[in-house]
Amino acid sequence: MSFFIENWVLIAVAFVSGALLVWPAVKAGGRTGTLNANDAVTLMNRQKAVVIDVSEAKEFAEGHIVGAKNVPLDELETKLPAVVKNKALPLIFVCPNGARANRGVAVAKKLGYENAQSLTGGMGAWRTAGLPVEKA
């Protein structure tokens, strides 16, 4: 017990540093595998990541990431294996605000796509970053 009393400053520093390491996960809402727009572009360019837009067809037609494949969330489990045959490729899931994309990541991981991530903030974040959008 005397160790804790005599070294309370070291214990406090250790606690604070641990909290700072955990903070990014807490800030992201506990979601793992999320990307910001710049990291998504890097992944697309360097590792040939496939962008899967889980928006409905009407939302997809209003604007999507260049080269994205549209697979609505309710059809994802049945259509994803036909759209992306190589399960080792990185996948980036996108939707208008990011909520459906997170569910898409869960479905993809269930199907064996371990390199699946979602775009934090969805298409809104993509547009805010000033990145190109195409309309169908």
C-alpha atoms as a PDB file:
ATOM      1  CA  MET A   1       0.000   0.000   0.000  1.00  0.00           C
ATOM      2  CA  SER A   2       2.883   2.347   0.726  1.00  0.00           C
ATOM      3  CA  PHE A   3       4.053   1.936  -2.892  1.00  0.00           C
ATOM      4  CA  PHE A   4       0.833   3.518  -4.152  1.00  0.00           C
ATOM      5  CA  ILE A   5       1.029   6.375  -1.686  1.00  0.00           C
ATOM      6  CA  GLU A   6       4.671   7.130  -2.410  1.00  0.00           C
ATOM      7  CA  ASN A   7       4.298   6.858  -6.202  1.00  0.00           C
ATOM      8  CA  TRP A   8       0.893   8.432  -6.775  1.00  0.00           C
ATOM      9  CA  VAL A   9       2.310  10.784  -9.428  1.00  0.00           C
ATOM     10  CA  LEU A  10       3.610   7.875 -11.537  1.00  0.00           C
ATOM     11  CA  ILE A  11       0.287   6.074 -11.185  1.00  0.00           C
ATOM     12  CA  ALA A  12      -1.585   9.219 -12.275  1.00  0.00           C
ATOM     13  CA  VAL A  13       0.678   9.637 -15.314  1.00  0.00           C
ATOM     14  CA  ALA A  14       0.148   5.990 -16.278  1.00  0.00           C
ATOM     15  CA  PHE A  15      -3.633   6.375 -15.961  1.00  0.00           C
ATOM     16  CA  VAL A  16      -3.711   9.566 -18.048  1.00  0.00           C
ATOM     17  CA  SER A  17      -1.508   8.084 -20.780  1.00  0.00           C
ATOM     18  CA  GLY A  18      -3.743   5.002 -20.943  1.00  0.00           C
ATOM     19  CA  ALA A  19      -6.820   7.206 -21.214  1.00  0.00           C
ATOM     20  CA  LEU A  20      -5.225   9.158 -24.066  1.00  0.00           C
ATOM     21  CA  LEU A  21      -4.526   5.907 -25.920  1.00  0.00           C
ATOM     22  CA  VAL A  22      -8.150   4.802 -25.592  1.00  0.00           C
ATOM     23  CA  TRP A  23      -9.648   8.214 -26.479  1.00  0.00           C
ATOM     24  CA  PRO A  24      -9.659   7.797 -30.310  1.00  0.00           C
ATOM     25  CA  ALA A  25     -11.761   4.629 -30.021  1.00  0.00           C
ATOM     26  CA  VAL A  26     -14.161   6.337 -27.616  1.00  0.00           C
ATOM     27  CA  LYS A  27     -14.453   9.369 -29.875  1.00  0.00           C
ATOM     28  CA  ALA A  28     -15.301   7.141 -32.874  1.00  0.00           C
ATOM     29  CA  GLY A  29     -18.173   5.663 -30.903  1.00  0.00           C
ATOM     30  CA  GLY A  30     -16.513   2.289 -30.500  1.00  0.00           C
ATOM     31  CA  ARG A  31     -16.606   1.642 -34.234  1.00  0.00           C
ATOM     32  CA  THR A  32     -13.552  -0.013 -35.660  1.00  0.00           C
ATOM     33  CA  GLY A  33     -12.459   0.023 -39.233  1.00  0.00           C
ATOM     34  CA  THR A  34     -13.574   3.533 -40.125  1.00  0.00           C
ATOM     35  CA  LEU A  35     -11.669   5.794 -42.501  1.00  0.00           C
ATOM     36  CA  ASN A  36     -11.619   9.507 -43.126  1.00  0.00           C
ATOM     37  CA  ALA A  37     -11.896  10.702 -46.737  1.00  0.00           C
ATOM     38  CA  ASN A  38      -8.148  11.209 -47.235  1.00  0.00           C
ATOM     39  CA  ASP A  39      -7.295   7.753 -45.895  1.00  0.00           C
ATOM     40  CA  ALA A  40      -9.939   6.264 -48.194  1.00  0.00           C
ATOM     41  CA  VAL A  41      -8.341   7.920 -51.237  1.00  0.00           C
ATOM     42  CA  THR A  42      -4.933   6.600 -50.190  1.00  0.00           C
ATOM     43  CA  LEU A  43      -6.349   3.093 -49.796  1.00  0.00           C
ATOM     44  CA  MET A  44      -8.038   3.330 -53.210  1.00  0.00           C
ATOM     45  CA  ASN A  45      -4.860   4.471 -54.936  1.00  0.00           C
ATOM     46  CA  ARG A  46      -2.268   2.292 -53.220  1.00  0.00           C
ATOM     47  CA  GLN A  47      -4.146  -0.934 -52.493  1.00  0.00           C
ATOM     48  CA  LYS A  48      -6.842  -0.848 -55.191  1.00  0.00           C
ATOM     49  CA  ALA A  49      -9.632  -0.793 -52.618  1.00  0.00           C
ATOM     50  CA  VAL A  50     -13.131  -1.400 -53.954  1.00  0.00           C
ATOM     51  CA  VAL A  51     -15.740   1.194 -52.983  1.00  0.00           C
ATOM     52  CA  ILE A  52     -19.154  -0.285 -52.219  1.00  0.00           C
ATOM     53  CA  ASP A  53     -21.997   2.225 -51.923  1.00  0.00           C
ATOM     54  CA  VAL A  54     -24.811   0.719 -49.847  1.00  0.00           C
ATOM     55  CA  SER A  55     -27.229   3.543 -50.673  1.00  0.00           C
ATOM     56  CA  GLU A  56     -30.520   2.948 -52.417  1.00  0.00           C
ATOM     57  CA  ALA A  57     -30.456   3.335 -56.214  1.00  0.00           C
ATOM     58  CA  LYS A  58     -32.036   6.817 -56.102  1.00  0.00           C
ATOM     59  CA  GLU A  59     -29.454   8.081 -53.584  1.00  0.00           C
ATOM     60  CA  PHE A  60     -26.651   6.511 -55.614  1.00  0.00           C
ATOM     61  CA  ALA A  61     -27.874   8.258 -58.787  1.00  0.00           C
ATOM     62  CA  GLU A  62     -27.833  11.646 -57.018  1.00  0.00           C
ATOM     63  CA  GLY A  63     -24.076  11.376 -56.485  1.00  0.00           C
ATOM     64  CA  HIS A  64     -21.463   8.792 -55.577  1.00  0.00           C
ATOM     65  CA  ILE A  65     -17.711   8.264 -55.429  1.00  0.00           C
ATOM     66  CA  VAL A  66     -16.169   7.768 -58.864  1.00  0.00           C
ATOM     67  CA  GLY A  67     -15.939   4.043 -59.585  1.00  0.00           C
ATOM     68  CA  ALA A  68     -18.160   2.982 -56.664  1.00  0.00           C
ATOM     69  CA  LYS A  69     -20.332  -0.098 -57.046  1.00  0.00           C
ATOM     70  CA  ASN A  70     -23.909   0.208 -55.840  1.00  0.00           C
ATOM     71  CA  VAL A  71     -25.122  -2.694 -53.702  1.00  0.00           C
ATOM     72  CA  PRO A  72     -28.061  -1.621 -51.483  1.00  0.00           C
ATOM     73  CA  LEU A  73     -27.705  -2.729 -47.876  1.00  0.00           C
ATOM     74  CA  ASP A  74     -30.707  -5.070 -47.961  1.00  0.00           C
ATOM     75  CA  GLU A  75     -29.162  -6.921 -50.952  1.00  0.00           C
ATOM     76  CA  LEU A  76     -25.576  -6.891 -49.695  1.00  0.00           C
ATOM     77  CA  GLU A  77     -25.434 -10.395 -48.269  1.00  0.00           C
ATOM     78  CA  THR A  78     -26.585 -11.998 -51.512  1.00  0.00           C
ATOM     79  CA  LYS A  79     -24.865  -9.726 -54.074  1.00  0.00           C
ATOM     80  CA  LEU A  80     -21.486  -8.866 -52.493  1.00  0.00           C
ATOM     81  CA  PRO A  81     -19.817 -12.214 -53.324  1.00  0.00           C
ATOM     82  CA  ALA A  82     -20.682 -11.696 -57.020  1.00  0.00           C
ATOM     83  CA  VAL A  83     -19.494  -8.066 -57.054  1.00  0.00           C
ATOM     84  CA  VAL A  84     -16.198  -8.662 -55.213  1.00  0.00           C
ATOM     85  CA  LYS A  85     -14.851 -12.162 -55.658  1.00  0.00           C
ATOM     86  CA  ASN A  86     -11.437 -11.595 -54.025  1.00  0.00           C
ATOM     87  CA  LYS A  87     -12.004 -11.488 -50.261  1.00  0.00           C
ATOM     88  CA  ALA A  88      -8.473 -10.194 -49.662  1.00  0.00           C
ATOM     89  CA  LEU A  89      -9.147  -6.852 -51.402  1.00  0.00           C
ATOM     90  CA  PRO A  90      -9.793  -3.892 -49.126  1.00  0.00           C
ATOM     91  CA  LEU A  91     -13.419  -2.723 -49.203  1.00  0.00           C
ATOM     92  CA  ILE A  92     -14.629   0.773 -48.394  1.00  0.00           C
ATOM     93  CA  PHE A  93     -18.329   1.009 -47.579  1.00  0.00           C
ATOM     94  CA  VAL A  94     -20.119   4.312 -48.173  1.00  0.00           C
ATOM     95  CA  CYS A  95     -23.634   5.694 -47.669  1.00  0.00           C
ATOM     96  CA  PRO A  96     -25.016   9.223 -47.338  1.00  0.00           C
ATOM     97  CA  ASN A  97     -24.136   9.648 -43.643  1.00  0.00           C
ATOM     98  CA  GLY A  98     -22.110   6.585 -42.595  1.00  0.00           C
ATOM     99  CA  ALA A  99     -24.684   4.662 -40.537  1.00  0.00           C
ATOM    100  CA  ARG A 100     -25.630   2.070 -43.173  1.00  0.00           C
ATOM    101  CA  ALA A 101     -21.992   1.711 -44.181  1.00  0.00           C
ATOM    102  CA  ASN A 102     -21.134   0.491 -40.673  1.00  0.00           C
ATOM    103  CA  ARG A 103     -23.826  -2.185 -40.967  1.00  0.00           C
ATOM    104  CA  GLY A 104     -22.384  -3.067 -44.379  1.00  0.00           C
ATOM    105  CA  VAL A 105     -18.967  -3.635 -42.794  1.00  0.00           C
ATOM    106  CA  ALA A 106     -20.539  -6.049 -40.306  1.00  0.00           C
ATOM    107  CA  VAL A 107     -22.231  -8.007 -43.113  1.00  0.00           C
ATOM    108  CA  ALA A 108     -19.005  -8.098 -45.147  1.00  0.00           C
ATOM    109  CA  LYS A 109     -16.974  -9.370 -42.203  1.00  0.00           C
ATOM    110  CA  LYS A 110     -19.604 -12.050 -41.620  1.00  0.00           C
ATOM    111  CA  LEU A 111     -19.089 -13.109 -45.257  1.00  0.00           C
ATOM    112  CA  GLY A 112     -15.298 -13.304 -44.780  1.00  0.00           C
ATOM    113  CA  TYR A 113     -14.151  -9.898 -46.084  1.00  0.00           C
ATOM    114  CA  GLU A 114     -11.749  -9.013 -43.271  1.00  0.00           C
ATOM    115  CA  ASN A 115     -10.413  -5.803 -44.901  1.00  0.00           C
ATOM    116  CA  ALA A 116     -13.769  -4.028 -44.852  1.00  0.00           C
ATOM    117  CA  GLN A 117     -13.988  -0.464 -43.514  1.00  0.00           C
ATOM    118  CA  SER A 118     -16.509   2.346 -43.657  1.00  0.00           C
ATOM    119  CA  LEU A 119     -16.078   5.975 -44.635  1.00  0.00           C
ATOM    120  CA  THR A 120     -16.643   8.074 -41.517  1.00  0.00           C
ATOM    121  CA  GLY A 121     -19.296  10.679 -42.260  1.00  0.00           C
ATOM    122  CA  GLY A 122     -20.290   9.040 -45.547  1.00  0.00           C
ATOM    123  CA  MET A 123     -20.792  11.043 -48.722  1.00  0.00           C
ATOM    124  CA  GLY A 124     -21.208  14.215 -46.667  1.00  0.00           C
ATOM    125  CA  ALA A 125     -17.615  13.925 -45.463  1.00  0.00           C
ATOM    126  CA  TRP A 126     -16.466  13.061 -48.991  1.00  0.00           C
ATOM    127  CA  ARG A 127     -18.099  16.200 -50.420  1.00  0.00           C
ATOM    128  CA  THR A 128     -16.816  18.354 -47.536  1.00  0.00           C
ATOM    129  CA  ALA A 129     -13.272  17.200 -48.364  1.00  0.00           C
ATOM    130  CA  GLY A 130     -13.844  18.475 -51.920  1.00  0.00           C
ATOM    131  CA  LEU A 131     -13.321  15.088 -53.532  1.00  0.00           C
ATOM    132  CA  PRO A 132     -14.881  14.180 -56.902  1.00  0.00           C
ATOM    133  CA  VAL A 133     -18.442  12.923 -57.146  1.00  0.00           C
ATOM    134  CA  GLU A 134     -20.177  11.534 -60.224  1.00  0.00           C
ATOM    135  CA  LYS A 135     -23.876  11.205 -60.957  1.00  0.00           C
ATOM    136  CA  ALA A 136     -25.493   8.251 -62.660  1.00  0.00           C
END
